[in-house]
Protein backbone atom coordinates (compact mmCIF):
# COMPACT_ATOMS: atom_id res chain seq x y z
CA MET A 1 0.00 0.00 0.00
CA GLU A 2 1.31 3.40 -0.99
CA LYS A 3 2.41 5.50 1.94
CA LYS A 4 0.30 8.65 2.33
CA LYS A 5 2.34 11.83 2.43
CA LEU A 6 1.54 14.42 5.05
CA ASN A 7 0.61 17.84 3.58
CA PHE A 8 1.63 20.76 5.78
CA SER A 9 1.12 23.46 3.16
CA GLY A 10 -2.26 24.59 4.49
CA THR A 11 -1.14 24.42 8.10
CA ILE A 12 2.06 26.33 7.36
CA ALA A 13 0.11 29.02 5.53
CA ILE A 14 -2.23 29.47 8.49
CA VAL A 15 0.69 29.59 10.93
CA ILE A 16 2.49 32.20 8.82
CA ALA A 17 -0.66 34.29 8.62
CA LEU A 18 -1.13 34.13 12.38
CA LEU A 19 2.50 35.04 12.99
CA THR A 20 2.11 37.99 10.64
CA LEU A 21 -0.88 39.22 12.61
CA VAL A 22 0.82 38.64 15.95
CA VAL A 23 4.09 40.38 14.98
CA PHE A 24 3.30 43.08 12.45
CA VAL A 25 -0.05 44.37 13.65
CA PRO A 26 1.27 45.39 17.10
CA ILE A 27 4.38 46.88 15.48
CA ASN A 28 2.20 48.90 13.13
CA LEU A 29 0.06 50.10 16.03
CA ILE A 30 3.14 51.10 18.03
CA VAL A 31 4.67 52.96 15.07
CA ASN A 32 1.40 54.79 14.43
CA TYR A 33 1.05 55.67 18.10
CA TYR A 34 4.48 57.23 18.28
CA ASP A 35 4.22 58.62 14.72
CA LYS A 36 7.63 57.15 13.96
CA VAL A 37 8.96 57.95 10.49
CA TYR A 38 11.81 56.26 8.70
CA ASP A 39 13.03 58.78 6.18
CA MET A 40 14.27 56.91 3.11
CA THR A 41 14.14 59.91 0.77
CA PRO A 42 17.47 60.84 -0.90
CA THR A 43 17.25 64.49 0.24
CA LYS A 44 15.93 63.61 3.73
CA ARG A 45 12.80 65.66 3.19
CA TYR A 46 11.23 64.47 6.42
CA THR A 47 14.27 64.80 8.70
CA LEU A 48 15.73 68.00 10.12
CA ASN A 49 19.07 68.98 8.67
CA GLU A 50 22.15 68.92 10.93
CA THR A 51 22.31 72.73 10.66
CA THR A 52 18.74 73.02 11.91
CA ALA A 53 19.35 70.53 14.72
CA LYS A 54 22.44 72.47 15.85
CA LEU A 55 20.51 75.76 15.76
CA LEU A 56 17.74 74.24 17.88
CA ASN A 57 20.27 72.91 20.36
CA ASP A 58 22.00 76.30 20.55
CA THR A 59 18.69 78.08 21.19
CA SER A 60 17.25 75.52 23.61
CA ASP A 61 17.28 78.16 26.36
CA LYS A 62 14.95 80.45 24.36
CA ASP A 63 11.17 80.26 24.42
CA ILE A 64 10.09 80.08 20.78
CA ASP A 65 6.56 80.16 19.38
CA VAL A 66 5.80 78.85 15.91
CA PHE A 67 2.37 79.54 14.39
CA PHE A 68 1.06 77.73 11.32
CA LEU A 69 -1.95 79.58 9.99
CA SER A 70 -4.05 76.56 9.13
CA LYS A 71 -5.39 73.49 10.87
CA LYS A 72 -3.37 70.32 11.21
CA GLU A 73 -5.94 68.62 8.97
CA TYR A 74 -4.43 70.73 6.17
CA PHE A 75 -1.91 67.94 5.64
CA ARG A 76 -4.42 65.12 5.26
CA GLY A 77 -4.72 63.94 1.71
CA ALA A 78 -1.84 66.18 0.60
CA PRO A 79 1.31 64.01 0.61
CA GLU A 80 3.28 66.72 -1.23
CA PHE A 81 3.04 68.86 1.93
CA LEU A 82 4.17 66.15 4.37
CA SER A 83 7.70 67.56 4.52
CA LEU A 84 6.34 70.68 6.25
CA TYR A 85 4.22 68.53 8.56
CA HIS A 86 7.26 66.56 9.72
CA THR A 87 9.30 69.74 10.19
CA LEU A 88 6.61 71.15 12.45
CA THR A 89 6.14 67.91 14.40
CA GLN A 90 9.89 67.67 15.05
CA LEU A 91 9.84 71.26 16.30
CA GLU A 92 6.97 70.31 18.62
CA GLU A 93 9.20 67.68 20.22
CA ARG A 94 11.47 70.43 21.54
CA PRO A 95 10.42 71.45 25.06
CA ASN A 96 11.18 75.15 24.44
CA ILE A 97 9.17 75.37 21.19
CA ASP A 98 5.40 75.72 21.15
CA VAL A 99 3.71 75.05 17.78
CA THR A 100 0.19 76.41 17.30
CA TYR A 101 -2.14 75.60 14.41
CA PHE A 102 -5.08 77.91 13.75
CA GLU A 103 -7.19 79.46 11.03
CA PRO A 104 -6.88 83.28 10.92
CA ASP A 105 -10.63 83.68 10.41
CA GLU A 106 -11.38 81.55 13.46
CA ASN A 107 -8.94 83.29 15.79
CA ALA A 108 -8.89 86.89 14.60
CA ALA A 109 -7.42 88.15 17.88
CA LEU A 110 -4.29 86.00 17.57
CA ALA A 111 -3.96 86.81 13.87
CA ASN A 112 -4.16 90.52 14.67
CA GLU A 113 -1.56 90.12 17.42
CA LEU A 114 0.87 88.39 15.05
CA SER A 115 0.28 90.98 12.33
CA ASN A 116 1.17 93.80 14.72
CA ASN A 117 -2.37 95.20 14.52
CA GLY A 118 -2.61 94.77 10.78
CA LEU A 119 0.89 95.99 9.87
CA LEU A 120 1.98 92.58 8.57
CA SER A 121 -0.22 90.76 6.11
CA VAL A 122 -1.73 87.48 7.30
CA GLN A 123 -2.87 84.69 4.97
CA ASN A 124 -3.77 81.04 5.31
CA GLY A 125 -0.68 78.85 5.15
CA ASP A 126 1.69 81.54 6.46
CA ILE A 127 4.10 80.72 9.28
CA PHE A 128 5.04 83.12 12.05
CA VAL A 129 8.05 82.61 14.33
CA ARG A 130 8.22 84.61 17.54
CA CYS A 131 10.84 84.92 20.26
CA GLY A 132 10.46 87.68 22.82
CA ASP A 133 9.47 90.90 21.08
CA ILE A 134 10.66 89.79 17.61
CA THR A 135 8.24 88.23 15.14
CA LYS A 136 9.12 87.11 11.63
CA ARG A 137 6.59 86.12 8.99
CA ILE A 138 7.19 83.42 6.35
CA ASP A 139 4.98 83.87 3.31
CA HIS A 140 3.12 80.68 2.38
CA SER A 141 4.13 81.10 -1.27
CA LYS A 142 7.81 80.63 -0.38
CA ILE A 143 7.45 77.39 1.57
CA PHE A 144 6.86 75.21 -1.48
CA GLN A 145 8.38 76.33 -4.75
CA THR A 146 8.24 75.10 -8.33
CA THR A 147 11.28 75.66 -10.52
CA SER A 148 11.16 76.63 -14.18
CA ASP A 149 11.55 72.96 -15.17
CA GLY A 150 8.57 71.96 -13.02
CA THR A 151 10.51 70.51 -10.07
CA PHE A 152 8.54 70.76 -6.82
CA GLN A 153 10.79 71.84 -3.94
CA TYR A 154 10.39 72.25 -0.19
CA ALA A 155 12.04 75.41 1.21
CA GLY A 156 10.18 75.51 4.52
CA GLU A 157 12.94 74.12 6.76
CA GLU A 158 15.45 76.67 5.42
CA LEU A 159 13.00 79.54 5.98
CA ILE A 160 11.89 78.40 9.43
CA ALA A 161 15.48 77.91 10.59
CA ALA A 162 16.39 81.37 9.28
CA ALA A 163 13.40 82.88 11.10
CA ILE A 164 14.43 81.19 14.35
CA GLU A 165 17.98 82.47 13.86
CA THR A 166 16.71 86.03 13.32
CA CYS A 167 14.20 86.07 16.17
CA THR A 168 16.51 84.52 18.75
CA ASN A 169 19.22 87.05 17.88
CA GLY A 170 16.95 89.73 19.31
CA SER A 171 16.48 92.06 16.33
CA LEU A 172 15.25 92.11 12.76
CA PRO A 173 17.54 93.34 9.99
CA THR A 174 17.14 97.11 10.07
CA ILE A 175 16.79 99.72 7.33
CA TYR A 176 17.85 103.16 8.50
CA PHE A 177 16.64 106.38 6.88
CA LEU A 178 19.33 109.03 7.27
CA GLN A 179 18.34 112.34 8.83
CA GLY A 180 20.06 115.68 9.35
CA HIS A 181 19.81 117.09 5.82
CA ASP A 182 16.25 118.45 5.98
CA GLU A 183 14.78 115.16 4.73
CA LYS A 184 11.14 114.32 5.32
CA SER A 185 10.62 111.92 8.21
CA ILE A 186 9.35 108.36 8.14
CA ASN A 187 6.41 109.18 10.39
CA ASP A 188 5.47 112.17 8.26
CA SER A 189 5.71 111.39 4.55
CA TYR A 190 7.32 107.95 4.19
CA GLU A 191 5.17 106.02 6.67
CA ILE A 192 3.32 103.91 4.09
CA TYR A 193 6.54 102.82 2.42
CA ALA A 194 8.17 102.14 5.80
CA ASN A 195 5.24 99.86 6.68
CA GLN A 196 5.73 97.99 3.41
CA LEU A 197 9.35 97.40 4.40
CA LYS A 198 8.19 96.08 7.77
CA THR A 199 5.86 93.68 5.98
CA ASN A 200 8.99 92.26 4.33
CA ASN A 201 10.51 91.51 7.76
CA TYR A 202 12.66 94.61 8.16
CA ASP A 203 12.73 96.95 11.09
CA VAL A 204 12.75 100.60 9.98
CA GLN A 205 14.40 103.39 11.97
CA GLU A 206 15.82 106.88 11.47
CA LEU A 207 19.52 107.63 11.91
CA ASN A 208 21.52 110.83 12.25
CA LEU A 209 25.15 110.03 11.55
CA SER A 210 26.27 113.41 12.88
CA GLU A 211 25.02 112.25 16.28
CA THR A 212 25.87 108.54 16.28
CA LYS A 213 29.24 108.95 14.50
CA ALA A 214 28.86 105.39 13.19
CA VAL A 215 26.52 103.04 11.33
CA PRO A 216 24.85 100.60 13.78
CA GLY A 217 25.86 96.98 13.48
CA ASN A 218 22.32 95.83 12.67
CA ALA A 219 22.04 98.19 9.69
CA LYS A 220 21.47 96.17 6.52
CA ILE A 221 20.43 99.03 4.21
CA LEU A 222 20.82 102.80 4.52
CA TYR A 223 18.42 105.18 2.76
CA LEU A 224 19.29 108.74 1.87
CA ALA A 225 15.89 110.00 0.74
CA GLY A 226 15.37 113.56 -0.44
CA PRO A 227 18.24 115.48 1.21
CA GLN A 228 17.89 119.24 0.83
CA LYS A 229 21.55 119.82 1.62
CA ASP A 230 24.81 117.97 1.29
CA ILE A 231 26.09 115.43 3.80
CA THR A 232 29.05 116.52 5.94
CA ASP A 233 32.66 115.45 5.45
CA ASP A 234 32.44 113.22 8.54
CA GLU A 235 29.24 111.59 7.26
CA LYS A 236 30.87 110.99 3.90
CA ALA A 237 33.79 109.23 5.61
CA ILE A 238 31.39 107.07 7.66
CA LEU A 239 29.41 106.08 4.55
CA GLU A 240 32.59 105.29 2.63
CA ASP A 241 33.77 102.99 5.44
CA TYR A 242 30.34 101.37 5.55
CA LEU A 243 30.39 100.69 1.80
CA GLU A 244 34.00 99.52 1.90
CA ALA A 245 32.86 96.86 4.38
CA GLY A 246 30.22 95.64 1.91
CA GLY A 247 27.32 97.90 2.92
CA ALA A 248 24.16 98.70 0.96
CA LEU A 249 22.96 102.23 0.20
CA SER A 250 19.78 103.41 -1.53
CA MET A 251 19.81 107.09 -2.56
CA LEU A 252 16.62 108.85 -3.62
CA LEU A 253 18.01 112.17 -4.79
CA ALA A 254 15.01 114.26 -5.78
CA PRO A 255 15.52 117.66 -7.45
CA THR A 256 16.02 120.52 -5.02
CA ASP A 257 16.42 124.25 -5.54
CA THR A 258 19.30 124.37 -3.03
CA LYS A 259 22.05 126.65 -4.31
CA GLY A 260 25.48 125.09 -4.72
CA ARG A 261 26.59 121.55 -5.37
CA PHE A 262 26.27 118.48 -3.15
CA THR A 263 29.96 117.74 -3.40
CA ASN A 264 30.15 114.90 -0.88
CA ILE A 265 27.15 113.10 -2.36
CA GLU A 266 28.70 113.56 -5.81
CA ASP A 267 31.96 112.05 -4.53
CA ILE A 268 30.22 108.90 -3.30
CA LEU A 269 28.33 108.52 -6.58
CA GLY A 270 31.57 109.14 -8.47
CA GLN A 271 33.17 106.12 -6.82
CA TYR A 272 30.57 104.05 -8.72
CA GLY A 273 30.90 105.90 -12.00
CA ILE A 274 27.71 107.98 -11.65
CA GLU A 275 27.31 111.72 -12.25
CA MET A 276 24.33 113.64 -10.86
CA ASP A 277 22.53 116.27 -12.95
CA TYR A 278 21.11 119.37 -11.23
CA ASN A 279 17.84 119.45 -13.12
CA ILE A 280 14.21 118.45 -13.11
CA VAL A 281 12.85 116.33 -15.97
CA THR A 282 9.37 116.88 -17.37
CA GLU A 283 7.49 115.50 -20.39
CA THR A 284 6.29 117.73 -23.25
CA ASN A 285 4.51 115.01 -25.22
CA ALA A 286 1.01 114.32 -23.91
CA ALA A 287 1.29 110.67 -25.00
CA ASN A 288 4.08 110.16 -22.47
CA GLN A 289 2.49 112.14 -19.65
CA LEU A 290 0.81 110.21 -16.83
CA GLN A 291 -1.77 111.10 -14.19
CA ASP A 292 -0.99 112.44 -10.73
CA LYS A 293 -2.75 111.35 -7.51
CA ASP A 294 -5.74 113.55 -8.42
CA TYR A 295 -5.98 111.72 -11.78
CA GLN A 296 -4.96 114.80 -13.70
CA GLN A 297 -2.50 114.52 -16.57
CA ASN A 298 0.73 116.09 -15.35
CA GLU A 299 3.95 116.96 -17.16
CA ASN A 300 5.94 116.00 -14.04
CA PHE A 301 4.57 112.44 -14.25
CA ILE A 302 6.47 110.84 -17.09
CA ARG A 303 6.28 107.43 -18.73
CA VAL A 304 9.50 105.42 -18.29
CA GLU A 305 11.05 102.09 -19.21
CA TYR A 306 13.30 99.67 -17.33
CA PRO A 307 16.36 98.52 -19.32
CA GLU A 308 17.24 94.87 -18.89
CA ALA A 309 20.78 93.76 -18.04
CA THR A 310 22.78 92.67 -21.08
CA GLY A 311 26.32 91.75 -22.01
CA ASP A 312 28.73 91.51 -19.10
CA TYR A 313 26.19 92.57 -16.49
CA THR A 314 25.54 89.91 -13.85
CA GLU A 315 22.66 91.52 -11.95
CA ASP A 316 19.05 91.53 -13.12
CA LEU A 317 16.71 93.94 -11.34
CA THR A 318 14.23 94.63 -14.11
CA SER A 319 13.17 91.54 -16.11
CA GLU A 320 10.56 90.39 -13.58
CA LEU A 321 9.19 93.93 -13.33
CA ASN A 322 8.97 94.25 -17.12
CA TYR A 323 6.98 91.01 -17.20
CA LEU A 324 4.50 92.47 -14.70
CA VAL A 325 4.28 95.77 -16.59
CA ASN A 326 3.74 94.01 -19.92
CA ASN A 327 0.91 92.03 -18.32
CA GLY A 328 -0.78 95.24 -17.20
CA GLU A 329 -0.25 94.77 -13.46
CA TYR A 330 1.79 97.97 -12.97
CA ILE A 331 2.23 101.33 -14.69
CA ALA A 332 5.78 102.37 -15.55
CA GLY A 333 6.06 105.98 -14.46
CA LEU A 334 8.20 108.39 -12.47
CA ALA A 335 7.53 111.88 -11.13
CA GLY A 336 9.56 114.84 -9.91
CA THR A 337 12.86 113.37 -11.03
CA ARG A 338 16.36 114.49 -11.89
CA SER A 339 18.67 112.61 -14.26
CA PHE A 340 22.11 111.02 -14.02
CA ALA A 341 24.90 110.07 -16.38
CA LEU A 342 27.62 107.42 -16.54
CA MET A 343 31.33 108.24 -16.38
CA PRO A 344 33.73 106.44 -18.69
CA GLU A 345 35.13 103.35 -16.94
CA ASN A 346 38.64 104.78 -16.92
CA ALA A 347 37.45 108.08 -15.39
CA PHE A 348 37.00 106.82 -11.83
CA GLU A 349 39.04 104.71 -9.44
CA ASN A 350 38.38 100.96 -9.48
CA GLY A 351 36.24 101.39 -12.58
CA ALA A 352 37.18 97.88 -13.73
CA ASN A 353 35.78 96.42 -10.49
CA VAL A 354 32.47 98.28 -10.55
CA GLU A 355 29.37 97.01 -12.33
CA VAL A 356 26.95 99.85 -12.99
CA SER A 357 23.90 99.93 -15.24
CA PRO A 358 20.77 102.09 -15.77
CA ILE A 359 17.50 100.67 -14.42
CA ILE A 360 15.15 103.58 -15.31
CA ARG A 361 15.03 105.68 -18.49
CA ASN A 362 12.63 108.11 -20.12
CA MET A 363 10.39 106.65 -22.78
CA PRO A 364 10.88 107.55 -26.46
CA THR A 365 8.12 108.27 -28.95
CA TYR A 366 7.98 107.44 -32.66
CA ASP A 367 6.88 109.62 -35.55
CA ALA A 368 4.83 108.52 -38.55
CA ASP A 369 7.96 107.18 -40.27
CA GLY A 370 8.94 105.09 -37.24
CA ASN A 371 11.80 107.38 -36.22
CA GLN A 372 12.57 107.42 -32.49
CA LYS A 373 12.76 110.67 -30.59
CA TYR A 374 12.69 111.92 -27.00
CA THR A 375 10.40 114.71 -25.86
CA THR A 376 11.46 115.25 -22.26
CA LYS A 377 12.57 118.68 -21.08
CA SER A 378 15.53 119.17 -18.73
CA ALA A 379 15.26 122.39 -16.71
CA PRO A 380 18.05 123.51 -14.32
CA MET A 381 17.32 123.26 -10.61
CA GLY A 382 19.77 124.06 -7.82
CA GLY A 383 23.50 123.69 -8.31
CA ASP A 384 25.65 126.43 -9.82
CA ASP A 385 26.31 128.08 -13.18
CA VAL A 386 28.24 125.05 -14.45
CA THR A 387 25.47 122.59 -13.62
CA LYS A 388 22.86 124.99 -15.02
CA ALA A 389 24.56 125.10 -18.42
CA GLU A 390 24.92 121.31 -18.41
CA ALA A 391 21.27 120.72 -17.47
CA GLU A 392 20.03 122.81 -20.37
CA LYS A 393 21.75 120.42 -22.81
CA HIS A 394 19.74 117.37 -21.76
CA SER A 395 16.37 118.19 -23.26
CA ASP A 396 15.01 115.89 -25.99
CA GLU A 397 17.55 113.12 -25.36
CA GLN A 398 17.68 109.74 -23.69
CA LEU A 399 18.15 110.18 -19.95
CA ASP A 400 19.11 107.76 -17.20
CA LEU A 401 16.86 108.30 -14.18
CA GLY A 402 18.19 105.52 -11.96
CA TYR A 403 21.08 103.07 -11.61
CA TYR A 404 22.25 100.07 -9.72
CA ALA A 405 25.96 99.73 -8.98
CA MET A 406 28.06 97.08 -7.29
CA ASN A 407 31.73 96.86 -6.31
CA ARG A 408 32.76 93.30 -7.14
CA ILE A 409 35.70 93.45 -4.72
CA THR A 410 34.08 94.87 -1.56
CA GLY A 411 30.55 93.63 -2.23
CA ALA A 412 29.14 97.13 -1.71
CA LYS A 413 25.80 97.77 -3.43
CA LEU A 414 24.18 101.03 -4.45
CA ILE A 415 20.77 102.04 -5.81
CA VAL A 416 20.22 105.62 -6.96
CA THR A 417 17.00 107.13 -8.32
CA GLY A 418 16.16 110.76 -9.06
CA SER A 419 12.86 110.99 -7.17
CA THR A 420 11.26 110.58 -3.75
CA ASP A 421 7.73 110.84 -5.14
CA ILE A 422 7.62 107.04 -5.45
CA ILE A 423 7.56 106.73 -1.63
CA ASP A 424 6.02 110.05 -0.55
CA LYS A 425 2.41 109.48 0.55
CA ASP A 426 1.55 113.08 -0.33
CA VAL A 427 2.47 112.59 -3.99
CA ILE A 428 2.48 108.92 -4.95
CA ALA A 429 -0.09 107.84 -7.52
CA PRO A 430 -1.05 104.59 -9.31
CA SER A 431 0.95 105.78 -12.32
CA LEU A 432 4.15 105.32 -10.27
CA SER A 433 3.36 101.77 -9.14
CA ALA A 434 5.99 99.98 -11.24
CA THR A 435 8.86 102.21 -10.13
CA GLN A 436 7.83 101.84 -6.51
CA MET A 437 7.84 98.06 -7.04
CA LEU A 438 11.32 98.36 -8.58
CA LEU A 439 12.50 100.11 -5.42
CA THR A 440 10.92 97.34 -3.33
CA PHE A 441 12.61 94.65 -5.46
CA SER A 442 15.92 96.48 -5.09
CA ASN A 443 15.81 96.02 -1.31
CA THR A 444 15.99 92.26 -1.77
CA TRP A 445 18.98 92.79 -4.06
CA LEU A 446 20.64 95.12 -1.55
CA TYR A 447 19.98 92.72 1.33
CA ASP A 448 17.74 89.66 1.46
CA SER A 449 15.94 89.53 4.82
CA ASP A 450 15.61 85.74 4.42
CA ILE A 451 18.93 84.57 5.86
CA SER A 452 20.58 81.68 4.03
CA MET A 453 21.26 78.88 6.47
CA GLY A 454 22.92 76.64 3.91
CA ILE A 455 20.20 74.01 4.24
CA GLY A 456 18.84 74.54 0.76
CA ASN A 457 15.62 73.33 -0.81
CA LYS A 458 14.61 69.70 -0.58
CA LEU A 459 12.99 67.98 -3.51
CA ASN A 460 11.39 64.72 -4.50
CA ALA A 461 13.74 62.32 -6.26
CA TYR A 462 12.32 59.86 -8.75
CA ASP A 463 14.01 56.91 -10.43
CA SER A 464 13.61 56.94 -14.19
CA MET A 465 14.38 54.65 -17.10
CA THR A 466 15.39 55.67 -20.59
CA PHE A 467 14.56 53.42 -23.54
CA GLU A 468 16.34 53.45 -26.87
CA ASP A 469 13.14 52.64 -28.78
CA ALA A 470 9.80 50.83 -28.45
CA SER A 471 11.41 47.43 -28.93
CA HIS A 472 13.84 48.07 -26.10
CA ALA A 473 10.98 49.23 -23.88
CA LYS A 474 9.01 46.03 -24.57
CA LYS A 475 11.99 43.85 -23.70
CA VAL A 476 12.57 45.65 -20.42
CA LEU A 477 8.88 45.51 -19.51
CA ALA A 478 8.85 41.81 -20.36
CA SER A 479 11.83 41.13 -18.11
CA MET A 480 10.41 43.18 -15.25
CA ILE A 481 6.69 42.35 -15.41
CA ILE A 482 5.69 39.63 -17.84
CA ILE A 483 8.37 37.05 -17.06
CA PRO A 484 7.93 37.28 -13.25
CA ALA A 485 4.16 37.04 -13.77
CA VAL A 486 4.54 33.90 -15.91
CA LEU A 487 6.81 32.32 -13.34
CA ALA A 488 4.30 33.15 -10.61
CA VAL A 489 1.46 31.53 -12.59
CA ALA A 490 3.62 28.48 -13.26
CA GLY A 491 4.43 28.19 -9.59
CA VAL A 492 0.75 28.31 -8.66
CA ALA A 493 -0.04 25.66 -11.33
CA VAL A 494 2.66 23.32 -9.99
CA TRP A 495 1.34 23.80 -6.44
CA LEU A 496 -2.20 23.05 -7.52
CA LYS A 497 -1.06 19.87 -9.30
CA ARG A 498 1.00 18.60 -6.38
CA ARG A 499 -0.97 19.80 -3.41
CA HIS A 500 -2.55 16.37 -2.82
CA SER A 501 0.48 14.26 -3.81
């Protein structure tokens, strides 16, 4: 009689299934309970960078509040945003960091507190970091970014770490408006613009160098806006030292009827190859005249253009603005302006090391034959007899109304424009919106308030395969899918045939 073989296949399958339930189900429950994550991504999107971890260790004695302006449920069903979720949850694990999730509409009092009573804008998805009296806002649009080639990147950890660094240091980067030359004050005429700067995470203060005798260490940008008289020799020396150390200076040099030349201001401009005209530029062609704040066409409000960097120029301050202007979002105008001119490169010291380029020019018109001409008038204002004669020559020609300049050796940066009307609340009009935006953009070029921590953006990494042709693709698919499937079917067939043997 044939010996019957014992079949353990069914029993073994049941045992394996039970072991799987006994072992893996509790492990899964434990992992879910502790929200444990094993980060297998190439860029470690879900794990804090060593730089961030060190910063958090170094600031463990500081009480830090982090506010995410949305509910935690925001992350459900949105796996592309999980990197931010894990950053926030790892911050929550720190005993000195309190993370709060809330909708601005549902907690208006807290939103108003964070916005400094409406001074800072507040939107869903924004992040606020606060330590002591310092609060820094992270715009939701910066947290996740898409590059020109469509790559989705996570910048949130870099931005949050930079905000913690700034807030725990005790002060925001500060923009100082220089005083002492009969300028208008921030609280008087420049308040609206100063508040815009604060929205971009700058502190804004006034500074009289004749009193302080030095530029404060937290000064990131200095503004010289609308001086009615020249700076002193001592102030010139202080500003030169500041620029030599890589400082940033924005000069809004509106026309003034002050007699005599601003020699010290001219000397600073001259170190960057820029000459200042003592004139006021108006527009004689109605087609190039714009409206003032009372919506009246005004010869002082002139249509302008923003030249784009070309050739050897490395800096680009105007291409993004031109895109916005061409799409009708801003009007390219300037009012109450003087003009400037470039020196030959060999006419000023270190000319070979200075990059300087116009960023604002008057707009030409074209006659019936397509010939280009300029219709602006240059009238003398202030200065002396020499500057008066020079100013009278500049009518009906192309004029530079603003420049950027940079010393490649020292890192010093300079912005100069011929008007303060773009920031003066008593004058500014919608027709000047593009030039005001250019000035706002230039602040980021002069100094970016978002500190670089060296963490960088984190991105998804995907494996890909490249096929030579359709035949090659079929072979690869066959080896990867079809053949294993056939083998699996064959294995099942053999098992079925032999299961009772």
